[in-house]
Amino acid sequence: MFSQLLSSLFGSKNETGRSKWLEQKLHSIPPGLRILDAGAGELRNKHLCDHLIYVSQDFCQYDGQGNKEGLHTGNWDTSKVDLVCDITEIPEPDASFDVILCSEVFEHIPDPLKALEEFSRLLKTGGKLILTAPFASLVHFAPYHYATGFSRYWYEYHLPRYGFKIEELAPNGDWFAYLEQELMRLPQMTRQYGDWSWPISYLVSLVGGLYFLLRGKRLKASELACFGWHCLAIRC
């Protein structure tokens, strides 16, 4: 109950920031263009693409339970996905999409560079790639969790190698926001893992929450860490 109260007070800055950015970018795309939602999962971003010709793709092997290690959703419905296939081998012709959206998927791909190569093939010249991936992330959807730490330097190094020009690269949150998120998660984690001192964790979260309320929006530390980077790139 108290954990839910903390969550309602401080929210999920990770998801809130990402959703706001995606909404802005997707709504700015002219109507009628063809978009691929790569790694679409439960199609949570489909409603942002009502003005576009929407095609979803996913490998559809995660069931919400995984190997029961790390964080899981419990249920996961991918029955409405259009293209069930590997993200590195999508059965569509070259240059068949105007836009590709790939949000919080790269950590679940054994070789994300192969996915970038496939996106380069599928996008028209001048097409847009809207990409987000975690810099700081707990293990989730295991065993389909292979990496984290996608820094700005990862984007800046690899995207030009696959024919993309970065138009925007923006951090989602910073080190302080990440610390706040994990402090709010502390009571849940201590109880889940049977820590005898779990009652103290509620006090720690409460004091931490008060600190962040009083701190307000001060200097950012995104160069040190963030939830992840938001990237908008153009296919050259």
Protein backbone atom coordinates (compact mmCIF):
# COMPACT_ATOMS: atom_id res chain seq x y z
CA MET A 1 0.00 0.00 0.00
CA PHE A 2 2.76 2.44 1.00
CA SER A 3 4.79 1.45 -2.08
CA GLN A 4 1.79 2.31 -4.26
CA LEU A 5 1.48 5.67 -2.49
CA LEU A 6 5.14 6.45 -3.16
CA SER A 7 4.71 5.49 -6.81
CA SER A 8 1.65 7.71 -7.17
CA LEU A 9 3.46 10.65 -5.59
CA PHE A 10 6.71 10.41 -7.51
CA GLY A 11 5.59 8.49 -10.59
CA SER A 12 7.74 6.78 -13.19
CA LYS A 13 9.92 9.51 -14.63
CA ASN A 14 11.44 6.99 -17.02
CA GLU A 15 8.19 6.02 -18.71
CA THR A 16 6.66 9.50 -18.47
CA GLY A 17 9.60 11.19 -20.17
CA ARG A 18 9.85 8.60 -22.90
CA SER A 19 6.11 8.59 -23.64
CA LYS A 20 6.05 12.38 -23.94
CA TRP A 21 8.99 12.39 -26.35
CA LEU A 22 7.55 9.57 -28.50
CA GLU A 23 4.17 11.29 -28.68
CA GLN A 24 5.80 14.50 -29.87
CA LYS A 25 7.90 12.79 -32.55
CA LEU A 26 5.17 10.50 -33.86
CA HIS A 27 2.55 13.23 -34.04
CA SER A 28 4.94 15.38 -36.07
CA ILE A 29 5.08 12.80 -38.88
CA PRO A 30 2.88 13.73 -41.88
CA PRO A 31 -0.27 11.61 -42.30
CA GLY A 32 -0.33 8.63 -44.64
CA LEU A 33 3.30 7.56 -44.30
CA ARG A 34 4.14 3.90 -43.68
CA ILE A 35 5.67 3.13 -40.27
CA LEU A 36 7.19 -0.07 -38.89
CA ASP A 37 6.93 -0.56 -35.13
CA ALA A 38 9.86 -2.95 -34.64
CA GLY A 39 9.67 -5.03 -31.47
CA ALA A 40 6.15 -3.75 -30.94
CA GLY A 41 5.17 -6.21 -28.19
CA GLU A 42 1.68 -5.31 -26.98
CA LEU A 43 1.40 -2.40 -29.45
CA ARG A 44 1.51 0.24 -26.70
CA ASN A 45 2.53 2.95 -29.21
CA LYS A 46 -0.01 2.07 -31.89
CA HIS A 47 -2.48 4.73 -30.72
CA LEU A 48 0.15 7.37 -31.47
CA CYS A 49 0.23 6.22 -35.10
CA ASP A 50 -3.46 6.48 -36.03
CA HIS A 51 -2.60 8.95 -38.81
CA LEU A 52 -0.03 6.56 -40.30
CA ILE A 53 -0.06 3.22 -42.12
CA TYR A 54 0.97 1.12 -39.14
CA VAL A 55 2.79 -2.23 -39.38
CA SER A 56 3.94 -4.04 -36.24
CA GLN A 57 6.72 -6.61 -35.85
CA ASP A 58 7.79 -8.81 -32.96
CA PHE A 59 9.39 -12.22 -32.43
CA CYS A 60 6.47 -13.11 -30.11
CA GLN A 61 8.36 -15.55 -27.89
CA TYR A 62 8.08 -13.74 -24.56
CA ASP A 63 5.01 -14.84 -22.57
CA GLY A 64 5.13 -12.57 -19.54
CA GLN A 65 6.78 -15.21 -17.34
CA GLY A 66 10.15 -15.80 -19.05
CA ASN A 67 12.55 -17.70 -16.81
CA LYS A 68 11.02 -15.99 -13.74
CA GLU A 69 14.26 -14.20 -12.91
CA GLY A 70 14.43 -10.41 -12.76
CA LEU A 71 11.36 -8.31 -13.59
CA HIS A 72 8.40 -9.70 -15.55
CA THR A 73 4.95 -8.51 -16.57
CA GLY A 74 3.05 -11.69 -15.67
CA ASN A 75 1.02 -11.55 -18.88
CA TRP A 76 2.08 -10.46 -22.36
CA ASP A 77 -0.23 -10.53 -25.38
CA THR A 78 1.37 -10.27 -28.82
CA SER A 79 -1.52 -11.86 -30.71
CA LYS A 80 -2.19 -8.69 -32.73
CA VAL A 81 1.33 -8.32 -34.14
CA ASP A 82 1.40 -8.17 -37.97
CA LEU A 83 4.86 -9.61 -38.71
CA VAL A 84 6.04 -12.44 -36.47
CA CYS A 85 9.74 -12.78 -37.24
CA ASP A 86 13.27 -12.02 -36.12
CA ILE A 87 13.94 -8.27 -36.03
CA THR A 88 17.10 -8.79 -38.09
CA GLU A 89 15.22 -10.58 -40.91
CA ILE A 90 11.95 -8.77 -41.58
CA PRO A 91 10.12 -10.05 -44.68
CA GLU A 92 9.58 -6.68 -46.37
CA PRO A 93 11.22 -5.23 -49.52
CA ASP A 94 14.11 -2.76 -49.44
CA ALA A 95 13.10 0.87 -48.80
CA SER A 96 9.53 -0.10 -47.94
CA PHE A 97 9.02 2.18 -44.91
CA ASP A 98 9.03 5.92 -44.38
CA VAL A 99 9.52 5.62 -40.63
CA ILE A 100 10.79 2.95 -38.23
CA LEU A 101 9.96 3.10 -34.54
CA CYS A 102 11.99 0.92 -32.17
CA SER A 103 11.44 1.74 -28.52
CA GLU A 104 13.04 -0.14 -25.59
CA VAL A 105 13.87 -3.17 -27.72
CA PHE A 106 17.63 -3.17 -28.31
CA GLU A 107 18.39 -4.60 -24.85
CA HIS A 108 16.41 -7.70 -25.88
CA ILE A 109 18.35 -8.34 -29.11
CA PRO A 110 21.51 -10.48 -29.02
CA ASP A 111 23.10 -8.38 -31.78
CA PRO A 112 21.46 -4.92 -32.04
CA LEU A 113 23.87 -3.87 -34.81
CA LYS A 114 22.23 -6.43 -37.11
CA ALA A 115 18.91 -4.76 -36.35
CA LEU A 116 20.40 -1.38 -37.30
CA GLU A 117 21.59 -2.91 -40.58
CA GLU A 118 18.09 -4.23 -41.25
CA PHE A 119 16.52 -0.85 -40.45
CA SER A 120 18.92 0.78 -42.91
CA ARG A 121 17.74 -1.66 -45.58
CA LEU A 122 14.05 -1.15 -44.87
CA LEU A 123 14.01 2.65 -44.68
CA LYS A 124 13.65 4.90 -47.69
CA THR A 125 16.28 7.54 -48.26
CA GLY A 126 15.31 10.45 -46.06
CA GLY A 127 13.24 8.15 -43.86
CA LYS A 128 13.20 8.56 -40.08
CA LEU A 129 14.40 6.20 -37.38
CA ILE A 130 12.90 6.82 -33.94
CA LEU A 131 14.95 4.85 -31.46
CA THR A 132 15.11 4.55 -27.67
CA ALA A 133 17.09 2.07 -25.58
CA PRO A 134 18.09 1.96 -21.90
CA PHE A 135 21.33 3.28 -20.53
CA ALA A 136 20.49 2.12 -16.99
CA SER A 137 18.13 -0.82 -16.75
CA LEU A 138 17.36 -3.71 -14.41
CA VAL A 139 17.13 -7.20 -15.89
CA HIS A 140 13.66 -7.71 -17.33
CA PHE A 141 11.97 -10.14 -19.73
CA ALA A 142 14.76 -12.66 -19.01
CA PRO A 143 16.13 -14.71 -20.62
CA TYR A 144 15.57 -12.19 -23.45
CA HIS A 145 17.73 -9.50 -21.88
CA TYR A 146 21.19 -9.18 -23.35
CA ALA A 147 22.52 -5.68 -22.76
CA THR A 148 22.12 -2.25 -21.24
CA GLY A 149 24.33 0.84 -21.24
CA PHE A 150 23.42 2.27 -24.66
CA SER A 151 25.24 5.58 -24.20
CA ARG A 152 25.16 8.65 -26.45
CA TYR A 153 28.54 7.55 -27.73
CA TRP A 154 27.08 4.23 -28.86
CA TYR A 155 24.60 6.10 -31.06
CA GLU A 156 27.15 8.60 -32.30
CA TYR A 157 29.58 5.87 -33.29
CA HIS A 158 27.31 3.22 -34.79
CA LEU A 159 24.46 5.07 -36.51
CA PRO A 160 26.64 6.85 -39.11
CA ARG A 161 28.27 3.50 -39.91
CA TYR A 162 24.86 2.20 -41.01
CA GLY A 163 23.87 5.19 -43.10
CA PHE A 164 22.09 7.35 -40.53
CA LYS A 165 22.51 11.00 -39.66
CA ILE A 166 21.52 11.85 -36.08
CA GLU A 167 19.06 14.73 -35.97
CA GLU A 168 18.30 14.63 -32.25
CA LEU A 169 19.86 12.81 -29.30
CA ALA A 170 18.31 13.66 -25.94
CA PRO A 171 18.70 12.10 -22.49
CA ASN A 172 15.70 10.77 -20.63
CA GLY A 173 16.25 11.89 -17.04
CA ASP A 174 19.64 11.85 -15.33
CA TRP A 175 21.53 10.19 -12.48
CA PHE A 176 19.39 11.90 -9.84
CA ALA A 177 16.16 10.78 -11.52
CA TYR A 178 17.48 7.22 -11.75
CA LEU A 179 18.42 7.24 -8.06
CA GLU A 180 14.96 8.55 -7.16
CA GLN A 181 13.32 5.76 -9.16
CA GLU A 182 15.34 3.06 -7.41
CA LEU A 183 14.71 4.53 -3.95
CA MET A 184 10.98 4.37 -4.65
CA ARG A 185 11.45 0.74 -5.72
CA LEU A 186 13.39 -0.19 -2.56
CA PRO A 187 10.43 -1.33 -0.38
CA GLN A 188 9.08 -3.56 -3.14
CA MET A 189 12.49 -5.15 -3.73
CA THR A 190 13.29 -5.76 -0.06
CA ARG A 191 9.98 -7.55 0.49
CA GLN A 192 10.23 -9.49 -2.77
CA TYR A 193 13.65 -10.84 -1.85
CA GLY A 194 12.85 -11.52 1.81
CA ASP A 195 15.12 -8.90 3.38
CA TRP A 196 14.50 -8.93 7.14
CA SER A 197 15.06 -5.17 7.31
CA TRP A 198 12.27 -4.34 4.85
CA PRO A 199 10.39 -2.05 7.32
CA ILE A 200 13.41 0.30 7.34
CA SER A 201 13.29 0.50 3.55
CA TYR A 202 9.99 2.39 3.73
CA LEU A 203 11.60 5.04 5.90
CA VAL A 204 14.56 5.29 3.52
CA SER A 205 12.20 5.74 0.56
CA LEU A 206 10.16 8.36 2.39
CA VAL A 207 13.24 10.40 3.39
CA GLY A 208 14.63 10.03 -0.13
CA GLY A 209 11.32 11.16 -1.61
CA LEU A 210 11.29 14.25 0.60
CA TYR A 211 14.85 15.06 -0.50
CA PHE A 212 13.87 14.95 -4.17
CA LEU A 213 10.78 17.08 -3.53
CA LEU A 214 12.90 19.71 -1.80
CA ARG A 215 15.68 19.44 -4.39
CA GLY A 216 13.34 20.29 -7.23
CA LYS A 217 14.69 20.75 -10.73
CA ARG A 218 18.30 21.68 -10.19
CA LEU A 219 21.40 20.97 -12.22
CA LYS A 220 21.18 17.81 -14.31
CA ALA A 221 23.71 14.96 -14.36
CA SER A 222 22.76 13.25 -17.62
CA GLU A 223 26.39 13.06 -18.74
CA LEU A 224 26.92 10.63 -15.84
CA ALA A 225 23.84 8.45 -16.25
CA CYS A 226 20.22 8.54 -17.39
CA PHE A 227 17.34 6.16 -18.03
CA GLY A 228 18.22 6.08 -21.71
CA TRP A 229 18.74 8.18 -24.81
CA HIS A 230 16.07 9.28 -27.28
CA CYS A 231 17.36 9.29 -30.84
CA LEU A 232 15.85 10.66 -34.03
CA ALA A 233 17.97 9.83 -37.10
CA ILE A 234 17.58 10.24 -40.86
CA ARG A 235 18.45 7.56 -43.42
CA CYS A 236 21.03 9.15 -45.74
